[in-house]
Amino acid sequence: MALSQREVDVFAALTESADPIHNSPEWAVETQAFGPSTIVHGLFVACFIPRWLKEVPHGLYPTTDSHYSLNYGIDRLRWLKPIPVGIEFYATITAIDREEKTPGRQKVSFGIEVFQRGDDTPSMVAISHLMHVDVSAERDHEDRSQVTVPSPRTDADQ
């Protein structure tokens, strides 16, 4: 995928984060601060993590009557190299951990590296966590935990 200047400008408008390094091609050419191009906002790139997680096995599950996934957070998000507007980039994703939190809920962690096409150095790295929820297993657990157990009899009850 590659992002156009128009897409970067719309992101800046929506997030109220306009800045010449992202939104002024004239400034970029004049200063050459990041080469002859503006650069994509790092958070704009990070916004694609859910999209990339949909593409991997056991990644972001589509919501159904029986399962759904929640974003559980991102750790160690770092931008190592700017991505120029119009340059193609992609992500590699590696499953790194799976932990059952409660019956029907598993936290799954993924290592994410974003590369510019033709470059072996990552532009962005992160660890993304998802919570996979199995609705039926969660309901079964809740039903069992809500069983009323009579309290023991005391001498006063007799």
N, C-alpha and C. Protein backbone atom coordinates (compact mmCIF):
# COMPACT_ATOMS: atom_id res chain seq x y z
N MET A 1 0.84 -1.17 0.00
CA MET A 1 0.00 0.00 0.00
C MET A 1 0.88 1.24 0.00
N ALA A 2 0.35 2.33 -0.48
CA ALA A 2 1.03 3.62 -0.45
C ALA A 2 -0.04 4.67 -0.14
N LEU A 3 0.35 5.72 0.54
CA LEU A 3 -0.59 6.78 0.89
C LEU A 3 -0.28 8.04 0.08
N SER A 4 -1.33 8.65 -0.43
CA SER A 4 -1.18 9.86 -1.24
C SER A 4 -1.11 11.10 -0.34
N GLN A 5 -0.68 12.21 -0.93
CA GLN A 5 -0.65 13.46 -0.17
C GLN A 5 -2.07 13.84 0.28
N ARG A 6 -3.03 13.59 -0.56
CA ARG A 6 -4.42 13.90 -0.19
C ARG A 6 -4.84 13.11 1.05
N GLU A 7 -4.52 11.82 1.09
CA GLU A 7 -4.86 11.00 2.26
C GLU A 7 -4.16 11.51 3.52
N VAL A 8 -2.90 11.89 3.38
CA VAL A 8 -2.14 12.42 4.52
C VAL A 8 -2.75 13.75 4.98
N ASP A 9 -3.17 14.58 4.02
CA ASP A 9 -3.80 15.86 4.38
C ASP A 9 -5.14 15.64 5.09
N VAL A 10 -5.91 14.66 4.64
CA VAL A 10 -7.19 14.37 5.30
C VAL A 10 -6.93 13.87 6.72
N PHE A 11 -5.95 12.99 6.89
CA PHE A 11 -5.61 12.50 8.24
C PHE A 11 -5.23 13.68 9.14
N ALA A 12 -4.42 14.59 8.63
CA ALA A 12 -4.00 15.76 9.41
C ALA A 12 -5.21 16.62 9.79
N ALA A 13 -6.14 16.78 8.86
CA ALA A 13 -7.33 17.58 9.16
C ALA A 13 -8.19 16.90 10.22
N LEU A 14 -8.38 15.59 10.09
CA LEU A 14 -9.21 14.86 11.06
C LEU A 14 -8.60 14.85 12.45
N THR A 15 -7.28 14.79 12.53
CA THR A 15 -6.61 14.71 13.83
C THR A 15 -6.06 16.05 14.30
N GLU A 16 -6.32 17.09 13.52
CA GLU A 16 -5.83 18.44 13.83
C GLU A 16 -4.33 18.43 14.09
N SER A 17 -3.62 17.73 13.20
CA SER A 17 -2.16 17.60 13.38
C SER A 17 -1.39 18.01 12.12
N ALA A 18 -1.87 19.04 11.44
CA ALA A 18 -1.17 19.51 10.24
C ALA A 18 0.21 20.05 10.63
N ASP A 19 1.19 19.73 9.80
CA ASP A 19 2.57 20.17 10.02
C ASP A 19 3.26 20.14 8.66
N PRO A 20 4.14 21.09 8.37
CA PRO A 20 4.80 21.11 7.07
C PRO A 20 5.51 19.80 6.70
N ILE A 21 6.04 19.07 7.69
CA ILE A 21 6.75 17.83 7.34
C ILE A 21 5.79 16.79 6.75
N HIS A 22 4.49 16.94 7.07
CA HIS A 22 3.48 16.02 6.55
C HIS A 22 2.64 16.62 5.43
N ASN A 23 2.45 17.95 5.46
CA ASN A 23 1.42 18.54 4.62
C ASN A 23 1.86 19.64 3.67
N SER A 24 3.16 19.91 3.58
CA SER A 24 3.60 20.94 2.65
C SER A 24 4.68 20.40 1.71
N PRO A 25 4.26 19.90 0.55
CA PRO A 25 5.25 19.41 -0.41
C PRO A 25 6.27 20.49 -0.79
N GLU A 26 5.84 21.75 -0.83
CA GLU A 26 6.77 22.84 -1.15
C GLU A 26 7.85 22.95 -0.08
N TRP A 27 7.45 22.88 1.19
CA TRP A 27 8.41 22.94 2.29
C TRP A 27 9.38 21.76 2.21
N ALA A 28 8.85 20.57 1.90
CA ALA A 28 9.69 19.38 1.81
C ALA A 28 10.76 19.54 0.73
N VAL A 29 10.37 20.04 -0.42
CA VAL A 29 11.32 20.24 -1.53
C VAL A 29 12.35 21.29 -1.14
N GLU A 30 11.87 22.36 -0.52
CA GLU A 30 12.75 23.47 -0.16
C GLU A 30 13.77 23.08 0.92
N THR A 31 13.33 22.37 1.94
CA THR A 31 14.22 22.06 3.07
C THR A 31 14.96 20.74 2.92
N GLN A 32 14.38 19.80 2.18
CA GLN A 32 14.97 18.46 2.05
C GLN A 32 15.17 17.79 3.42
N ALA A 33 14.36 18.17 4.41
CA ALA A 33 14.51 17.64 5.77
C ALA A 33 14.39 16.11 5.79
N PHE A 34 13.49 15.56 4.98
CA PHE A 34 13.32 14.11 4.90
C PHE A 34 13.40 13.67 3.45
N GLY A 35 14.22 14.31 2.69
CA GLY A 35 14.28 14.06 1.25
C GLY A 35 13.32 15.00 0.55
N PRO A 36 13.03 14.74 -0.71
CA PRO A 36 12.21 15.69 -1.47
C PRO A 36 10.71 15.52 -1.29
N SER A 37 10.29 14.80 -0.26
CA SER A 37 8.87 14.50 -0.09
C SER A 37 8.43 14.76 1.34
N THR A 38 7.14 15.00 1.51
CA THR A 38 6.57 14.99 2.85
C THR A 38 6.55 13.55 3.35
N ILE A 39 6.31 13.39 4.65
CA ILE A 39 6.28 12.04 5.22
C ILE A 39 4.91 11.77 5.84
N VAL A 40 4.57 10.49 5.88
CA VAL A 40 3.30 10.04 6.45
C VAL A 40 3.40 10.13 7.98
N HIS A 41 2.32 10.56 8.62
CA HIS A 41 2.26 10.56 10.08
C HIS A 41 2.49 9.13 10.59
N GLY A 42 3.32 8.98 11.59
CA GLY A 42 3.54 7.66 12.17
C GLY A 42 2.26 7.03 12.69
N LEU A 43 1.41 7.84 13.32
CA LEU A 43 0.15 7.29 13.84
C LEU A 43 -0.80 6.88 12.71
N PHE A 44 -0.67 7.52 11.56
CA PHE A 44 -1.48 7.10 10.40
C PHE A 44 -1.06 5.69 9.99
N VAL A 45 0.22 5.43 9.96
CA VAL A 45 0.71 4.09 9.63
C VAL A 45 0.22 3.09 10.67
N ALA A 46 0.30 3.45 11.95
CA ALA A 46 -0.13 2.55 13.02
C ALA A 46 -1.63 2.24 12.93
N CYS A 47 -2.40 3.13 12.34
CA CYS A 47 -3.85 2.89 12.19
C CYS A 47 -4.16 1.67 11.33
N PHE A 48 -3.20 1.22 10.55
CA PHE A 48 -3.42 0.07 9.67
C PHE A 48 -3.17 -1.27 10.38
N ILE A 49 -2.75 -1.25 11.62
CA ILE A 49 -2.49 -2.50 12.34
C ILE A 49 -3.71 -3.42 12.33
N PRO A 50 -4.92 -2.94 12.64
CA PRO A 50 -6.07 -3.86 12.60
C PRO A 50 -6.29 -4.46 11.21
N ARG A 51 -6.10 -3.67 10.18
CA ARG A 51 -6.25 -4.19 8.81
C ARG A 51 -5.25 -5.33 8.57
N TRP A 52 -4.00 -5.12 8.95
CA TRP A 52 -2.98 -6.16 8.74
C TRP A 52 -3.28 -7.40 9.58
N LEU A 53 -3.79 -7.21 10.79
CA LEU A 53 -4.10 -8.36 11.64
C LEU A 53 -5.24 -9.21 11.09
N LYS A 54 -6.10 -8.63 10.28
CA LYS A 54 -7.17 -9.41 9.65
C LYS A 54 -6.61 -10.39 8.62
N GLU A 55 -5.40 -10.14 8.16
CA GLU A 55 -4.82 -10.94 7.09
C GLU A 55 -4.02 -12.14 7.58
N VAL A 56 -3.84 -12.29 8.90
CA VAL A 56 -3.02 -13.40 9.41
C VAL A 56 -3.90 -14.41 10.14
N PRO A 57 -3.52 -15.72 10.09
CA PRO A 57 -4.28 -16.72 10.84
C PRO A 57 -4.27 -16.39 12.34
N HIS A 58 -5.39 -16.52 12.98
CA HIS A 58 -5.56 -16.24 14.41
C HIS A 58 -5.31 -14.78 14.73
N GLY A 59 -5.41 -13.92 13.72
CA GLY A 59 -5.29 -12.49 13.94
C GLY A 59 -6.62 -11.93 14.38
N LEU A 60 -6.98 -10.80 13.84
CA LEU A 60 -8.23 -10.15 14.20
C LEU A 60 -9.40 -10.94 13.62
N TYR A 61 -10.20 -11.54 14.50
CA TYR A 61 -11.34 -12.33 14.04
C TYR A 61 -12.47 -11.41 13.62
N PRO A 62 -13.17 -11.78 12.56
CA PRO A 62 -14.37 -11.00 12.22
C PRO A 62 -15.42 -11.24 13.30
N THR A 63 -16.23 -10.25 13.56
CA THR A 63 -17.28 -10.38 14.56
C THR A 63 -18.40 -11.27 14.02
N THR A 64 -18.73 -12.30 14.80
CA THR A 64 -19.83 -13.21 14.46
C THR A 64 -20.69 -13.38 15.71
N ASP A 65 -21.69 -14.24 15.62
CA ASP A 65 -22.52 -14.51 16.80
C ASP A 65 -21.74 -15.23 17.89
N SER A 66 -20.64 -15.90 17.51
CA SER A 66 -19.92 -16.71 18.49
C SER A 66 -18.53 -16.19 18.87
N HIS A 67 -17.95 -15.29 18.08
CA HIS A 67 -16.59 -14.80 18.35
C HIS A 67 -16.46 -13.32 18.01
N TYR A 68 -15.53 -12.67 18.70
CA TYR A 68 -15.12 -11.33 18.29
C TYR A 68 -13.73 -11.07 18.86
N SER A 69 -13.08 -10.05 18.35
CA SER A 69 -11.75 -9.65 18.83
C SER A 69 -11.80 -8.19 19.24
N LEU A 70 -11.04 -7.88 20.27
CA LEU A 70 -10.91 -6.50 20.75
C LEU A 70 -9.44 -6.10 20.70
N ASN A 71 -9.18 -4.85 20.35
CA ASN A 71 -7.83 -4.34 20.46
C ASN A 71 -7.52 -4.23 21.95
N TYR A 72 -6.45 -4.88 22.39
CA TYR A 72 -6.10 -4.92 23.81
C TYR A 72 -4.92 -4.01 24.12
N GLY A 73 -4.39 -3.35 23.08
CA GLY A 73 -3.32 -2.38 23.30
C GLY A 73 -2.11 -2.62 22.41
N ILE A 74 -1.23 -1.66 22.41
CA ILE A 74 0.00 -1.72 21.62
C ILE A 74 1.16 -1.36 22.55
N ASP A 75 2.18 -2.18 22.54
CA ASP A 75 3.40 -1.92 23.31
C ASP A 75 4.57 -1.68 22.35
N ARG A 76 5.55 -0.98 22.84
CA ARG A 76 6.83 -0.79 22.14
C ARG A 76 6.65 -0.27 20.72
N LEU A 77 5.70 0.63 20.52
CA LEU A 77 5.49 1.24 19.21
C LEU A 77 6.62 2.24 18.96
N ARG A 78 7.37 2.01 17.90
CA ARG A 78 8.51 2.88 17.57
C ARG A 78 8.53 3.15 16.07
N TRP A 79 8.86 4.40 15.73
CA TRP A 79 9.06 4.78 14.33
C TRP A 79 10.54 4.94 14.12
N LEU A 80 11.12 4.07 13.35
CA LEU A 80 12.57 4.03 13.17
C LEU A 80 13.04 4.79 11.94
N LYS A 81 12.13 4.98 11.00
CA LYS A 81 12.48 5.60 9.73
C LYS A 81 11.21 6.19 9.12
N PRO A 82 11.26 7.45 8.66
CA PRO A 82 10.05 8.03 8.08
C PRO A 82 9.65 7.36 6.77
N ILE A 83 8.36 7.33 6.52
CA ILE A 83 7.82 6.78 5.27
C ILE A 83 7.39 7.97 4.40
N PRO A 84 8.06 8.18 3.27
CA PRO A 84 7.67 9.29 2.39
C PRO A 84 6.28 9.05 1.79
N VAL A 85 5.55 10.12 1.60
CA VAL A 85 4.25 10.05 0.94
C VAL A 85 4.45 9.44 -0.45
N GLY A 86 3.57 8.51 -0.81
CA GLY A 86 3.62 7.88 -2.13
C GLY A 86 4.50 6.66 -2.22
N ILE A 87 5.27 6.35 -1.18
CA ILE A 87 6.15 5.18 -1.18
C ILE A 87 5.36 3.97 -0.67
N GLU A 88 5.51 2.85 -1.36
CA GLU A 88 4.80 1.63 -0.97
C GLU A 88 5.41 1.05 0.31
N PHE A 89 4.53 0.59 1.22
CA PHE A 89 4.99 -0.05 2.45
C PHE A 89 4.08 -1.23 2.77
N TYR A 90 4.58 -2.12 3.62
CA TYR A 90 3.84 -3.33 3.98
C TYR A 90 4.26 -3.76 5.37
N ALA A 91 3.51 -4.68 5.96
CA ALA A 91 3.82 -5.16 7.30
C ALA A 91 4.09 -6.66 7.29
N THR A 92 5.02 -7.08 8.15
CA THR A 92 5.17 -8.50 8.46
C THR A 92 4.69 -8.68 9.90
N ILE A 93 3.99 -9.77 10.13
CA ILE A 93 3.39 -10.00 11.43
C ILE A 93 3.76 -11.39 11.92
N THR A 94 4.17 -11.46 13.17
CA THR A 94 4.57 -12.73 13.79
C THR A 94 3.81 -12.90 15.10
N ALA A 95 3.12 -14.04 15.24
CA ALA A 95 2.46 -14.35 16.52
C ALA A 95 3.56 -14.64 17.54
N ILE A 96 3.49 -13.99 18.69
CA ILE A 96 4.57 -14.18 19.68
C ILE A 96 4.08 -14.72 21.02
N ASP A 97 2.77 -14.64 21.31
CA ASP A 97 2.31 -15.14 22.60
C ASP A 97 0.79 -15.33 22.57
N ARG A 98 0.34 -16.31 23.34
CA ARG A 98 -1.10 -16.55 23.51
C ARG A 98 -1.29 -16.90 24.98
N GLU A 99 -2.24 -16.22 25.62
CA GLU A 99 -2.45 -16.43 27.05
C GLU A 99 -3.96 -16.43 27.34
N GLU A 100 -4.43 -17.49 28.00
CA GLU A 100 -5.84 -17.51 28.38
C GLU A 100 -6.00 -16.62 29.61
N LYS A 101 -6.85 -15.62 29.49
CA LYS A 101 -7.07 -14.69 30.60
C LYS A 101 -8.19 -15.19 31.51
N THR A 102 -9.30 -15.60 30.91
CA THR A 102 -10.42 -16.21 31.62
C THR A 102 -11.04 -17.19 30.63
N PRO A 103 -11.90 -18.10 31.08
CA PRO A 103 -12.53 -19.00 30.11
C PRO A 103 -13.24 -18.20 29.01
N GLY A 104 -12.90 -18.53 27.78
CA GLY A 104 -13.49 -17.85 26.64
C GLY A 104 -12.77 -16.59 26.20
N ARG A 105 -11.71 -16.20 26.90
CA ARG A 105 -10.95 -15.00 26.53
C ARG A 105 -9.46 -15.31 26.47
N GLN A 106 -8.91 -15.11 25.27
CA GLN A 106 -7.47 -15.32 25.08
C GLN A 106 -6.82 -14.04 24.59
N LYS A 107 -5.74 -13.65 25.25
CA LYS A 107 -4.95 -12.51 24.77
C LYS A 107 -3.90 -13.07 23.82
N VAL A 108 -3.85 -12.53 22.61
CA VAL A 108 -2.88 -12.96 21.60
C VAL A 108 -2.03 -11.76 21.24
N SER A 109 -0.71 -11.96 21.23
CA SER A 109 0.22 -10.86 20.95
C SER A 109 0.95 -11.11 19.64
N PHE A 110 1.14 -10.04 18.89
CA PHE A 110 1.78 -10.11 17.58
C PHE A 110 2.90 -9.08 17.48
N GLY A 111 4.04 -9.50 16.94
CA GLY A 111 5.10 -8.57 16.59
C GLY A 111 4.82 -8.03 15.20
N ILE A 112 4.92 -6.72 15.04
CA ILE A 112 4.63 -6.09 13.76
C ILE A 112 5.83 -5.28 13.32
N GLU A 113 6.25 -5.49 12.09
CA GLU A 113 7.32 -4.68 11.48
C GLU A 113 6.79 -4.13 10.16
N VAL A 114 6.97 -2.84 9.96
CA VAL A 114 6.53 -2.19 8.73
C VAL A 114 7.77 -1.81 7.93
N PHE A 115 7.77 -2.19 6.66
CA PHE A 115 8.91 -1.94 5.77
C PHE A 115 8.47 -1.13 4.55
N GLN A 116 9.37 -0.33 4.04
CA GLN A 116 9.16 0.29 2.74
C GLN A 116 9.62 -0.71 1.69
N ARG A 117 8.88 -0.78 0.61
CA ARG A 117 9.23 -1.72 -0.47
C ARG A 117 10.69 -1.51 -0.87
N GLY A 118 11.45 -2.60 -0.91
CA GLY A 118 12.86 -2.54 -1.33
C GLY A 118 13.84 -2.16 -0.24
N ASP A 119 13.37 -2.05 1.01
CA ASP A 119 14.26 -1.67 2.13
C ASP A 119 14.15 -2.72 3.23
N ASP A 120 15.28 -3.22 3.69
CA ASP A 120 15.30 -4.26 4.72
C ASP A 120 15.23 -3.72 6.15
N THR A 121 15.31 -2.41 6.30
CA THR A 121 15.26 -1.80 7.63
C THR A 121 13.82 -1.42 7.96
N PRO A 122 13.29 -1.86 9.10
CA PRO A 122 11.90 -1.51 9.41
C PRO A 122 11.72 -0.01 9.61
N SER A 123 10.59 0.48 9.17
CA SER A 123 10.22 1.88 9.40
C SER A 123 9.45 2.03 10.70
N MET A 124 8.71 0.99 11.09
CA MET A 124 7.94 1.01 12.32
C MET A 124 7.93 -0.39 12.91
N VAL A 125 7.98 -0.48 14.22
CA VAL A 125 7.85 -1.76 14.92
C VAL A 125 6.87 -1.58 16.07
N ALA A 126 6.21 -2.67 16.44
CA ALA A 126 5.26 -2.62 17.56
C ALA A 126 4.92 -4.03 17.99
N ILE A 127 4.37 -4.14 19.18
CA ILE A 127 3.75 -5.38 19.65
C ILE A 127 2.28 -5.04 19.89
N SER A 128 1.42 -5.73 19.17
CA SER A 128 -0.01 -5.47 19.26
C SER A 128 -0.67 -6.64 19.99
N HIS A 129 -1.61 -6.32 20.86
CA HIS A 129 -2.32 -7.34 21.63
C HIS A 129 -3.80 -7.32 21.27
N LEU A 130 -4.36 -8.50 21.08
CA LEU A 130 -5.79 -8.66 20.83
C LEU A 130 -6.39 -9.54 21.91
N MET A 131 -7.65 -9.31 22.22
CA MET A 131 -8.39 -10.20 23.10
C MET A 131 -9.42 -10.91 22.22
N HIS A 132 -9.23 -12.23 22.07
CA HIS A 132 -10.20 -13.05 21.33
C HIS A 132 -11.24 -13.53 22.33
N VAL A 133 -12.50 -13.32 21.99
CA VAL A 133 -13.59 -13.71 22.88
C VAL A 133 -14.45 -14.74 22.19
N ASP A 134 -14.59 -15.90 22.86
CA ASP A 134 -15.51 -16.95 22.42
C ASP A 134 -16.77 -16.76 23.26
N VAL A 135 -17.80 -16.23 22.64
CA VAL A 135 -19.01 -15.83 23.36
C VAL A 135 -19.64 -17.01 24.08
N SER A 136 -19.73 -18.17 23.43
CA SER A 136 -20.38 -19.32 24.07
C SER A 136 -19.59 -19.81 25.28
N ALA A 137 -18.26 -19.86 25.18
CA ALA A 137 -17.45 -20.29 26.32
C ALA A 137 -17.56 -19.30 27.47
N GLU A 138 -17.61 -18.01 27.12
CA GLU A 138 -17.74 -16.98 28.16
C GLU A 138 -19.10 -17.10 28.85
N ARG A 139 -20.18 -17.34 28.08
CA ARG A 139 -21.52 -17.51 28.65
C ARG A 139 -21.57 -18.74 29.57
N ASP A 140 -20.97 -19.85 29.10
CA ASP A 140 -20.95 -21.06 29.92
C ASP A 140 -20.27 -20.80 31.25
N HIS A 141 -19.15 -20.08 31.21
CA HIS A 141 -18.40 -19.76 32.43
C HIS A 141 -19.25 -18.87 33.35
N GLU A 142 -19.92 -17.87 32.79
CA GLU A 142 -20.77 -16.99 33.60
C GLU A 142 -21.92 -17.77 34.21
N ASP A 143 -22.54 -18.68 33.45
CA ASP A 143 -23.65 -19.47 33.98
C ASP A 143 -23.19 -20.32 35.16
N ARG A 144 -22.02 -20.92 35.07
CA ARG A 144 -21.50 -21.76 36.16
C ARG A 144 -21.13 -20.91 37.37
N SER A 145 -20.64 -19.69 37.13
CA SER A 145 -20.21 -18.86 38.25
C SER A 145 -21.38 -18.20 38.97
N GLN A 146 -22.59 -18.25 38.39
CA GLN A 146 -23.74 -17.62 39.01
C GLN A 146 -24.64 -18.63 39.71
N VAL A 147 -24.16 -19.84 39.89
CA VAL A 147 -24.95 -20.86 40.59
C VAL A 147 -25.04 -20.46 42.06
N THR A 148 -26.25 -20.48 42.60
CA THR A 148 -26.45 -20.13 44.00
C THR A 148 -26.26 -21.37 44.86
N VAL A 149 -25.38 -21.26 45.79
CA VAL A 149 -25.11 -22.37 46.71
C VAL A 149 -25.70 -21.99 48.05
N PRO A 150 -26.56 -22.86 48.61
CA PRO A 150 -27.16 -22.52 49.91
C PRO A 150 -26.08 -22.39 50.97
N SER A 151 -26.30 -21.46 51.89
CA SER A 151 -25.31 -21.30 52.96
C SER A 151 -25.48 -22.44 53.96
N PRO A 152 -24.40 -22.77 54.63
CA PRO A 152 -24.48 -23.87 55.60
C PRO A 152 -25.45 -23.52 56.73
N ARG A 153 -26.08 -24.55 57.26
CA ARG A 153 -27.05 -24.35 58.34
C ARG A 153 -26.27 -24.08 59.63
N THR A 154 -26.86 -23.24 60.45
CA THR A 154 -26.26 -22.96 61.75
C THR A 154 -27.19 -23.49 62.83
N ASP A 155 -26.74 -23.46 64.07
CA ASP A 155 -27.57 -23.91 65.19
C ASP A 155 -28.82 -23.05 65.30
N ALA A 156 -28.76 -21.78 64.93
CA ALA A 156 -29.91 -20.87 65.03
C ALA A 156 -31.00 -21.27 64.05
N ASP A 157 -30.65 -21.96 62.93
CA ASP A 157 -31.64 -22.37 61.93
C ASP A 157 -32.46 -23.57 62.40
N GLN A 158 -32.03 -24.27 63.41
CA GLN A 158 -32.74 -25.48 63.83
C GLN A 158 -33.87 -25.24 64.75
